[in-house]
Amino acid sequence: MIKEINVKSLRSPAMLVEKVIEKTDGGILVIETEGDSQINEISELIKKMGYKMEVDGTNVKVSIGEIEASKSINVVGASCPGPILMVGEVLERMAVGEVLEITAGPNAFTDLTEGLKSMGNDILSAEKTDDGNYKILIKKEEKKKELGVSVDIDEVFIINMTGTGNAEKAYATFMMANVAQNMKLKPTIFLMFDGASLALKGECDKVKHPAFPKLGDKLRDAIKAGVKIYVCEMSSEFRGVDKKLEEGIEIAGAPTFFRFLSKPNARPVWL
């Protein structure tokens, strides 16, 4: 069961949340809040009550107990774009509001969560299981139409397609990410085609500009600074990079790529 409440404008939202949880037998409670202040108050309450919760934008999702899925699908072992296509076929036959349970491997986790959100669906929960795979519960929703309103640009999506074969662009990838952070913009890097070579462990340490540290140091500095770096699953497999990744780089595929490319608050930079 999924229950939704709105606590916007309430001075003490935790009081209402506590009463609703006490009268709820199980499932997921979705709480629509005003933002950080209310989320912090609710988080303290949920922590005391011993339940799991996730924050998604201004919404708080509390797992009160097991939720029964309408359908389930296992996509472990499938490579990009297989998982999102397989899940999409199942969703096509489901009604709005129904819940789908997905079992997926680590390679497909980001693609599915990012891709399904971009399709307008609601990620109810996502947990890593003991065998290293993931259990994802999603609620089918109708995709809302984008309204023609202006948004603030606060993210940059840096796409590198040349890799270590073009040292100038390789350095620019991580230096632009650093500049973006200094400008209070959130950078995300996606490595595809020959750009996948930047993800190969030790490969960037072979590149050194006379005036800068090793390229490998720039890459690791970016990861330490919190820059998210994805490498295309297909490109990494073609080049044998997928089994020897630099620590901190995550494999992703087309759904993740299009999710970031279509964000209205982000600007792409192609290198």
Foldseek 3Di string as FASTA:
>chain_A
DEAEDECEPPPQSLVVVVVVLVPDPFDKYKYAYPDDVNVVNNVVSCVVVVWDWDDDGRIIITGSHDDDAPEEDEDEPDDPPVVVVVVVVVLVPDDAFGKYKYKYAQQCVLLNVLLQVQQVKAWRDWDQDPVRIIITMIGHHHHDDDDPDADAAQEEEEEEAAAVVDVVVLLVRLVVCVVSVVVNHAYEYEYEHNSLQNFAPPSQQVADDPVDHGSVVSVVVSLVVPHAYEYEPVNCVVVVRVVGTDPRYGYYHDSNVVSQPPDSNYHYDYD
